[in-house]
PDB file of N, CA and C in Angstrom:
ATOM      1  N   MET A   1       0.844  -1.181   0.000  1.00  0.00           N
ATOM      2  CA  MET A   1       0.000   0.000   0.000  1.00  0.00           C
ATOM      3  C   MET A   1       0.884   1.236   0.000  1.00  0.00           C
ATOM      4  N   ALA A   2       0.397   2.311  -0.618  1.00  0.00           N
ATOM      5  CA  ALA A   2       1.152   3.555  -0.694  1.00  0.00           C
ATOM      6  C   ALA A   2       1.216   4.214   0.675  1.00  0.00           C
ATOM      7  N   LYS A   3       2.186   5.111   0.830  1.00  0.00           N
ATOM      8  CA  LYS A   3       2.286   5.872   2.074  1.00  0.00           C
ATOM      9  C   LYS A   3       1.018   6.695   2.266  1.00  0.00           C
ATOM     10  N   THR A   4       0.646   6.922   3.522  1.00  0.00           N
ATOM     11  CA  THR A   4      -0.601   7.619   3.794  1.00  0.00           C
ATOM     12  C   THR A   4      -0.560   9.090   3.389  1.00  0.00           C
ATOM     13  N   SER A   5       0.597   9.662   3.111  1.00  0.00           N
ATOM     14  CA  SER A   5       0.680  11.064   2.722  1.00  0.00           C
ATOM     15  C   SER A   5       0.699  11.237   1.207  1.00  0.00           C
ATOM     16  N   ASP A   6       0.756  10.142   0.447  1.00  0.00           N
ATOM     17  CA  ASP A   6       0.813  10.226  -1.005  1.00  0.00           C
ATOM     18  C   ASP A   6      -0.516  10.687  -1.578  1.00  0.00           C
ATOM     19  N   LYS A   7      -0.450  11.696  -2.453  1.00  0.00           N
ATOM     20  CA  LYS A   7      -1.648  12.159  -3.151  1.00  0.00           C
ATOM     21  C   LYS A   7      -1.841  11.278  -4.386  1.00  0.00           C
ATOM     22  N   PRO A   8      -3.054  10.829  -4.629  1.00  0.00           N
ATOM     23  CA  PRO A   8      -3.289   9.990  -5.816  1.00  0.00           C
ATOM     24  C   PRO A   8      -2.973  10.754  -7.103  1.00  0.00           C
ATOM     25  N   LYS A   9      -2.590  10.021  -8.127  1.00  0.00           N
ATOM     26  CA  LYS A   9      -2.269  10.636  -9.415  1.00  0.00           C
ATOM     27  C   LYS A   9      -3.529  11.094 -10.143  1.00  0.00           C
ATOM     28  N   SER A  10      -4.635  10.400  -9.892  1.00  0.00           N
ATOM     29  CA  SER A  10      -5.877  10.726 -10.586  1.00  0.00           C
ATOM     30  C   SER A  10      -7.062  10.175  -9.804  1.00  0.00           C
ATOM     31  N   PHE A  11      -8.256  10.588 -10.208  1.00  0.00           N
ATOM     32  CA  PHE A  11      -9.485  10.067  -9.618  1.00  0.00           C
ATOM     33  C   PHE A  11      -9.543   8.553  -9.784  1.00  0.00           C
ATOM     34  N   GLU A  12      -9.211   8.084 -10.978  1.00  0.00           N
ATOM     35  CA  GLU A  12      -9.259   6.649 -11.259  1.00  0.00           C
ATOM     36  C   GLU A  12      -8.272   5.869 -10.401  1.00  0.00           C
ATOM     37  N   ALA A  13      -7.076   6.430 -10.205  1.00  0.00           N
ATOM     38  CA  ALA A  13      -6.081   5.773  -9.353  1.00  0.00           C
ATOM     39  C   ALA A  13      -6.572   5.704  -7.913  1.00  0.00           C
ATOM     40  N   ALA A  14      -7.218   6.773  -7.456  1.00  0.00           N
ATOM     41  CA  ALA A  14      -7.756   6.790  -6.090  1.00  0.00           C
ATOM     42  C   ALA A  14      -8.851   5.747  -5.932  1.00  0.00           C
ATOM     43  N   MET A  15      -9.723   5.631  -6.920  1.00  0.00           N
ATOM     44  CA  MET A  15     -10.801   4.637  -6.850  1.00  0.00           C
ATOM     45  C   MET A  15     -10.247   3.217  -6.839  1.00  0.00           C
ATOM     46  N   THR A  16      -9.236   2.970  -7.643  1.00  0.00           N
ATOM     47  CA  THR A  16      -8.610   1.648  -7.677  1.00  0.00           C
ATOM     48  C   THR A  16      -7.992   1.317  -6.321  1.00  0.00           C
ATOM     49  N   GLU A  17      -7.311   2.293  -5.737  1.00  0.00           N
ATOM     50  CA  GLU A  17      -6.706   2.070  -4.424  1.00  0.00           C
ATOM     51  C   GLU A  17      -7.772   1.865  -3.354  1.00  0.00           C
ATOM     52  N   LEU A  18      -8.861   2.627  -3.430  1.00  0.00           N
ATOM     53  CA  LEU A  18      -9.964   2.443  -2.479  1.00  0.00           C
ATOM     54  C   LEU A  18     -10.533   1.033  -2.567  1.00  0.00           C
ATOM     55  N   GLU A  19     -10.693   0.528  -3.782  1.00  0.00           N
ATOM     56  CA  GLU A  19     -11.198  -0.832  -3.961  1.00  0.00           C
ATOM     57  C   GLU A  19     -10.273  -1.856  -3.324  1.00  0.00           C
ATOM     58  N   SER A  20      -8.968  -1.661  -3.458  1.00  0.00           N
ATOM     59  CA  SER A  20      -8.030  -2.612  -2.857  1.00  0.00           C
ATOM     60  C   SER A  20      -8.034  -2.502  -1.332  1.00  0.00           C
ATOM     61  N   ILE A  21      -8.234  -1.298  -0.822  1.00  0.00           N
ATOM     62  CA  ILE A  21      -8.319  -1.114   0.630  1.00  0.00           C
ATOM     63  C   ILE A  21      -9.546  -1.820   1.189  1.00  0.00           C
ATOM     64  N   VAL A  22     -10.677  -1.660   0.508  1.00  0.00           N
ATOM     65  CA  VAL A  22     -11.909  -2.331   0.959  1.00  0.00           C
ATOM     66  C   VAL A  22     -11.710  -3.843   0.970  1.00  0.00           C
ATOM     67  N   ALA A  23     -11.105  -4.370  -0.085  1.00  0.00           N
ATOM     68  CA  ALA A  23     -10.862  -5.821  -0.142  1.00  0.00           C
ATOM     69  C   ALA A  23      -9.958  -6.267   1.008  1.00  0.00           C
ATOM     70  N   ALA A  24      -8.915  -5.492   1.299  1.00  0.00           N
ATOM     71  CA  ALA A  24      -7.997  -5.849   2.380  1.00  0.00           C
ATOM     72  C   ALA A  24      -8.702  -5.788   3.737  1.00  0.00           C
ATOM     73  N   MET A  25      -9.576  -4.791   3.904  1.00  0.00           N
ATOM     74  CA  MET A  25     -10.256  -4.639   5.188  1.00  0.00           C
ATOM     75  C   MET A  25     -11.321  -5.710   5.422  1.00  0.00           C
ATOM     76  N   GLU A  26     -11.744  -6.366   4.361  1.00  0.00           N
ATOM     77  CA  GLU A  26     -12.720  -7.445   4.495  1.00  0.00           C
ATOM     78  C   GLU A  26     -12.081  -8.747   4.976  1.00  0.00           C
ATOM     79  N   ALA A  27     -10.760  -8.804   4.978  1.00  0.00           N
ATOM     80  CA  ALA A  27     -10.060 -10.007   5.436  1.00  0.00           C
ATOM     81  C   ALA A  27     -10.267 -10.168   6.947  1.00  0.00           C
ATOM     82  N   PRO A  28     -10.626 -11.373   7.391  1.00  0.00           N
ATOM     83  CA  PRO A  28     -10.918 -11.573   8.815  1.00  0.00           C
ATOM     84  C   PRO A  28      -9.689 -11.518   9.721  1.00  0.00           C
ATOM     85  N   ASP A  29      -8.506 -11.681   9.159  1.00  0.00           N
ATOM     86  CA  ASP A  29      -7.299 -11.740   9.983  1.00  0.00           C
ATOM     87  C   ASP A  29      -6.467 -10.459   9.934  1.00  0.00           C
ATOM     88  N   LEU A  30      -7.064  -9.348   9.514  1.00  0.00           N
ATOM     89  CA  LEU A  30      -6.345  -8.082   9.419  1.00  0.00           C
ATOM     90  C   LEU A  30      -6.084  -7.530  10.819  1.00  0.00           C
ATOM     91  N   PRO A  31      -4.818  -7.278  11.171  1.00  0.00           N
ATOM     92  CA  PRO A  31      -4.508  -6.719  12.490  1.00  0.00           C
ATOM     93  C   PRO A  31      -5.126  -5.326  12.664  1.00  0.00           C
ATOM     94  N   LEU A  32      -5.461  -4.981  13.881  1.00  0.00           N
ATOM     95  CA  LEU A  32      -6.125  -3.719  14.185  1.00  0.00           C
ATOM     96  C   LEU A  32      -5.337  -2.514  13.670  1.00  0.00           C
ATOM     97  N   GLU A  33      -4.054  -2.462  13.929  1.00  0.00           N
ATOM     98  CA  GLU A  33      -3.251  -1.315  13.494  1.00  0.00           C
ATOM     99  C   GLU A  33      -3.267  -1.159  11.976  1.00  0.00           C
ATOM    100  N   GLN A  34      -3.205  -2.277  11.278  1.00  0.00           N
ATOM    101  CA  GLN A  34      -3.249  -2.223   9.817  1.00  0.00           C
ATOM    102  C   GLN A  34      -4.640  -1.790   9.340  1.00  0.00           C
ATOM    103  N   ALA A  35      -5.682  -2.256  10.018  1.00  0.00           N
ATOM    104  CA  ALA A  35      -7.041  -1.843   9.676  1.00  0.00           C
ATOM    105  C   ALA A  35      -7.212  -0.337   9.865  1.00  0.00           C
ATOM    106  N   LEU A  36      -6.661   0.190  10.950  1.00  0.00           N
ATOM    107  CA  LEU A  36      -6.738   1.634  11.193  1.00  0.00           C
ATOM    108  C   LEU A  36      -5.962   2.416  10.133  1.00  0.00           C
ATOM    109  N   ALA A  37      -4.808   1.919   9.737  1.00  0.00           N
ATOM    110  CA  ALA A  37      -4.027   2.585   8.690  1.00  0.00           C
ATOM    111  C   ALA A  37      -4.789   2.577   7.364  1.00  0.00           C
ATOM    112  N   HIS A  38      -5.419   1.456   7.050  1.00  0.00           N
ATOM    113  CA  HIS A  38      -6.235   1.365   5.832  1.00  0.00           C
ATOM    114  C   HIS A  38      -7.415   2.338   5.910  1.00  0.00           C
ATOM    115  N   PHE A  39      -8.046   2.396   7.055  1.00  0.00           N
ATOM    116  CA  PHE A  39      -9.182   3.297   7.236  1.00  0.00           C
ATOM    117  C   PHE A  39      -8.763   4.752   7.036  1.00  0.00           C
ATOM    118  N   GLU A  40      -7.618   5.113   7.608  1.00  0.00           N
ATOM    119  CA  GLU A  40      -7.118   6.484   7.467  1.00  0.00           C
ATOM    120  C   GLU A  40      -6.827   6.809   6.007  1.00  0.00           C
ATOM    121  N   ARG A  41      -6.147   5.907   5.323  1.00  0.00           N
ATOM    122  CA  ARG A  41      -5.832   6.127   3.909  1.00  0.00           C
ATOM    123  C   ARG A  41      -7.121   6.188   3.088  1.00  0.00           C
ATOM    124  N   GLY A  42      -8.055   5.306   3.372  1.00  0.00           N
ATOM    125  CA  GLY A  42      -9.324   5.307   2.649  1.00  0.00           C
ATOM    126  C   GLY A  42     -10.080   6.605   2.826  1.00  0.00           C
ATOM    127  N   THR A  43     -10.043   7.155   4.027  1.00  0.00           N
ATOM    128  CA  THR A  43     -10.702   8.426   4.294  1.00  0.00           C
ATOM    129  C   THR A  43     -10.072   9.545   3.475  1.00  0.00           C
ATOM    130  N   ARG A  44      -8.760   9.561   3.399  1.00  0.00           N
ATOM    131  CA  ARG A  44      -8.072  10.580   2.586  1.00  0.00           C
ATOM    132  C   ARG A  44      -8.404  10.418   1.109  1.00  0.00           C
ATOM    133  N   LEU A  45      -8.446   9.183   0.638  1.00  0.00           N
ATOM    134  CA  LEU A  45      -8.783   8.941  -0.762  1.00  0.00           C
ATOM    135  C   LEU A  45     -10.214   9.360  -1.057  1.00  0.00           C
ATOM    136  N   LEU A  46     -11.120   9.074  -0.130  1.00  0.00           N
ATOM    137  CA  LEU A  46     -12.515   9.460  -0.303  1.00  0.00           C
ATOM    138  C   LEU A  46     -12.641  10.977  -0.419  1.00  0.00           C
ATOM    139  N   ARG A  47     -11.942  11.708   0.438  1.00  0.00           N
ATOM    140  CA  ARG A  47     -11.972  13.179   0.369  1.00  0.00           C
ATOM    141  C   ARG A  47     -11.421  13.673  -0.967  1.00  0.00           C
ATOM    142  N   PHE A  48     -10.350  13.048  -1.427  1.00  0.00           N
ATOM    143  CA  PHE A  48      -9.774  13.411  -2.727  1.00  0.00           C
ATOM    144  C   PHE A  48     -10.802  13.196  -3.830  1.00  0.00           C
ATOM    145  N   CYS A  49     -11.486  12.053  -3.809  1.00  0.00           N
ATOM    146  CA  CYS A  49     -12.479  11.734  -4.837  1.00  0.00           C
ATOM    147  C   CYS A  49     -13.666  12.692  -4.773  1.00  0.00           C
ATOM    148  N   GLU A  50     -14.122  13.003  -3.576  1.00  0.00           N
ATOM    149  CA  GLU A  50     -15.225  13.956  -3.432  1.00  0.00           C
ATOM    150  C   GLU A  50     -14.826  15.321  -3.993  1.00  0.00           C
ATOM    151  N   GLY A  51     -13.605  15.736  -3.737  1.00  0.00           N
ATOM    152  CA  GLY A  51     -13.129  17.011  -4.277  1.00  0.00           C
ATOM    153  C   GLY A  51     -13.058  16.992  -5.794  1.00  0.00           C
ATOM    154  N   ALA A  52     -12.564  15.897  -6.348  1.00  0.00           N
ATOM    155  CA  ALA A  52     -12.469  15.775  -7.808  1.00  0.00           C
ATOM    156  C   ALA A  52     -13.851  15.797  -8.442  1.00  0.00           C
ATOM    157  N   LEU A  53     -14.807  15.118  -7.827  1.00  0.00           N
ATOM    158  CA  LEU A  53     -16.171  15.117  -8.359  1.00  0.00           C
ATOM    159  C   LEU A  53     -16.807  16.498  -8.237  1.00  0.00           C
ATOM    160  N   GLY A  54     -16.545  17.191  -7.149  1.00  0.00           N
ATOM    161  CA  GLY A  54     -17.061  18.548  -6.981  1.00  0.00           C
ATOM    162  C   GLY A  54     -16.510  19.489  -8.042  1.00  0.00           C
ATOM    163  N   GLU A  55     -15.218  19.362  -8.322  1.00  0.00           N
ATOM    164  CA  GLU A  55     -14.602  20.185  -9.362  1.00  0.00           C
ATOM    165  C   GLU A  55     -15.201  19.873 -10.724  1.00  0.00           C
ATOM    166  N   ALA A  56     -15.439  18.601 -10.999  1.00  0.00           N
ATOM    167  CA  ALA A  56     -16.047  18.220 -12.275  1.00  0.00           C
ATOM    168  C   ALA A  56     -17.457  18.796 -12.388  1.00  0.00           C
ATOM    169  N   GLU A  57     -18.213  18.741 -11.311  1.00  0.00           N
ATOM    170  CA  GLU A  57     -19.565  19.306 -11.320  1.00  0.00           C
ATOM    171  C   GLU A  57     -19.520  20.807 -11.586  1.00  0.00           C
ATOM    172  N   ASN A  58     -18.582  21.498 -10.954  1.00  0.00           N
ATOM    173  CA  ASN A  58     -18.443  22.940 -11.189  1.00  0.00           C
ATOM    174  C   ASN A  58     -18.095  23.246 -12.632  1.00  0.00           C
ATOM    175  N   ARG A  59     -17.229  22.452 -13.218  1.00  0.00           N
ATOM    176  CA  ARG A  59     -16.860  22.652 -14.628  1.00  0.00           C
ATOM    177  C   ARG A  59     -18.061  22.430 -15.532  1.00  0.00           C
ATOM    178  N   ILE A  60     -18.877  21.428 -15.212  1.00  0.00           N
ATOM    179  CA  ILE A  60     -20.080  21.159 -16.007  1.00  0.00           C
ATOM    180  C   ILE A  60     -21.055  22.322 -15.872  1.00  0.00           C
ATOM    181  N   ARG A  61     -21.217  22.846 -14.663  1.00  0.00           N
ATOM    182  CA  ARG A  61     -22.099  24.006 -14.461  1.00  0.00           C
ATOM    183  C   ARG A  61     -21.643  25.189 -15.316  1.00  0.00           C
ATOM    184  N   ILE A  62     -20.343  25.427 -15.361  1.00  0.00           N
ATOM    185  CA  ILE A  62     -19.813  26.530 -16.173  1.00  0.00           C
ATOM    186  C   ILE A  62     -20.122  26.281 -17.646  1.00  0.00           C
ATOM    187  N   LEU A  63     -19.895  25.067 -18.100  1.00  0.00           N
ATOM    188  CA  LEU A  63     -20.155  24.740 -19.505  1.00  0.00           C
ATOM    189  C   LEU A  63     -21.635  24.810 -19.846  1.00  0.00           C
ATOM    190  N   GLU A  64     -22.483  24.565 -18.868  1.00  0.00           N
ATOM    191  CA  GLU A  64     -23.934  24.601 -19.078  1.00  0.00           C
ATOM    192  C   GLU A  64     -24.526  25.945 -18.656  1.00  0.00           C
ATOM    193  N   ASN A  65     -23.692  26.972 -18.542  1.00  0.00           N
ATOM    194  CA  ASN A  65     -24.133  28.318 -18.167  1.00  0.00           C
ATOM    195  C   ASN A  65     -24.865  28.352 -16.838  1.00  0.00           C
ATOM    196  N   GLY A  66     -24.324  27.683 -15.849  1.00  0.00           N
ATOM    197  CA  GLY A  66     -24.886  27.739 -14.509  1.00  0.00           C
ATOM    198  C   GLY A  66     -26.007  26.769 -14.236  1.00  0.00           C
ATOM    199  N   ARG A  67     -26.413  26.008 -15.211  1.00  0.00           N
ATOM    200  CA  ARG A  67     -27.487  25.029 -15.012  1.00  0.00           C
ATOM    201  C   ARG A  67     -26.873  23.628 -14.991  1.00  0.00           C
ATOM    202  N   LEU A  68     -27.342  22.812 -14.094  1.00  0.00           N
ATOM    203  CA  LEU A  68     -26.938  21.414 -14.063  1.00  0.00           C
ATOM    204  C   LEU A  68     -28.207  20.603 -14.249  1.00  0.00           C
ATOM    205  N   GLU A  69     -28.345  19.981 -15.395  1.00  0.00           N
ATOM    206  CA  GLU A  69     -29.569  19.269 -15.730  1.00  0.00           C
ATOM    207  C   GLU A  69     -29.348  17.766 -15.635  1.00  0.00           C
ATOM    208  N   ALA A  70     -30.412  17.066 -15.277  1.00  0.00           N
ATOM    209  CA  ALA A  70     -30.346  15.606 -15.182  1.00  0.00           C
ATOM    210  C   ALA A  70     -30.263  14.999 -16.576  1.00  0.00           C
ATOM    211  N   PHE A  71     -29.547  13.906 -16.686  1.00  0.00           N
ATOM    212  CA  PHE A  71     -29.464  13.181 -17.951  1.00  0.00           C
ATOM    213  C   PHE A  71     -30.685  12.290 -18.109  1.00  0.00           C
ATOM    214  N   GLY A  72     -31.095  12.050 -19.330  1.00  0.00           N
ATOM    215  CA  GLY A  72     -32.139  11.076 -19.593  1.00  0.00           C
ATOM    216  C   GLY A  72     -33.557  11.566 -19.402  1.00  0.00           C
ATOM    217  N   ASP A  73     -33.763  12.864 -19.168  1.00  0.00           N
ATOM    218  CA  ASP A  73     -35.116  13.371 -18.973  1.00  0.00           C
ATOM    219  C   ASP A  73     -35.739  13.882 -20.272  1.00  0.00           C
ATOM    220  N   GLY A  74     -34.954  13.945 -21.303  1.00  0.00           N
ATOM    221  CA  GLY A  74     -35.477  14.460 -22.577  1.00  0.00           C
ATOM    222  C   GLY A  74     -36.238  13.403 -23.344  1.00  0.00           C
ATOM    223  N   ASP A  75     -36.963  13.833 -24.348  1.00  0.00           N
ATOM    224  CA  ASP A  75     -37.684  12.891 -25.215  1.00  0.00           C
ATOM    225  C   ASP A  75     -36.684  12.194 -26.119  1.00  0.00           C
ATOM    226  N   SER A  76     -36.799  10.882 -26.166  1.00  0.00           N
ATOM    227  CA  SER A  76     -35.908  10.136 -27.065  1.00  0.00           C
ATOM    228  C   SER A  76     -36.716   9.083 -27.788  1.00  0.00           C
ATOM    229  N   ALA A  77     -36.388   8.866 -29.047  1.00  0.00           N
ATOM    230  CA  ALA A  77     -37.071   7.844 -29.823  1.00  0.00           C
ATOM    231  C   ALA A  77     -36.539   6.487 -29.415  1.00  0.00           C
ATOM    232  N   SER A  78     -37.420   5.621 -28.966  1.00  0.00           N
ATOM    233  CA  SER A  78     -37.004   4.290 -28.543  1.00  0.00           C
ATOM    234  C   SER A  78     -37.492   3.238 -29.463  1.00  0.00           C
TER     235      SER A  78
END
């Protein structure tokens, strides 16, 4: 696992690392200290991902002139 101070290279890298942390934490024989370290790293990754998603939402709002519309609500020929 990466050091707890390492910033992820990208949103996708953070998500991949989060998935591996969840898998490791599901192991029944994980020592408490290691579980706490995983939890701490996972929390930092989650905050990073939330920030990245917030920035993406803001960029979409700018591109949509301040409106954020739901996908799939328009009329479509099926």
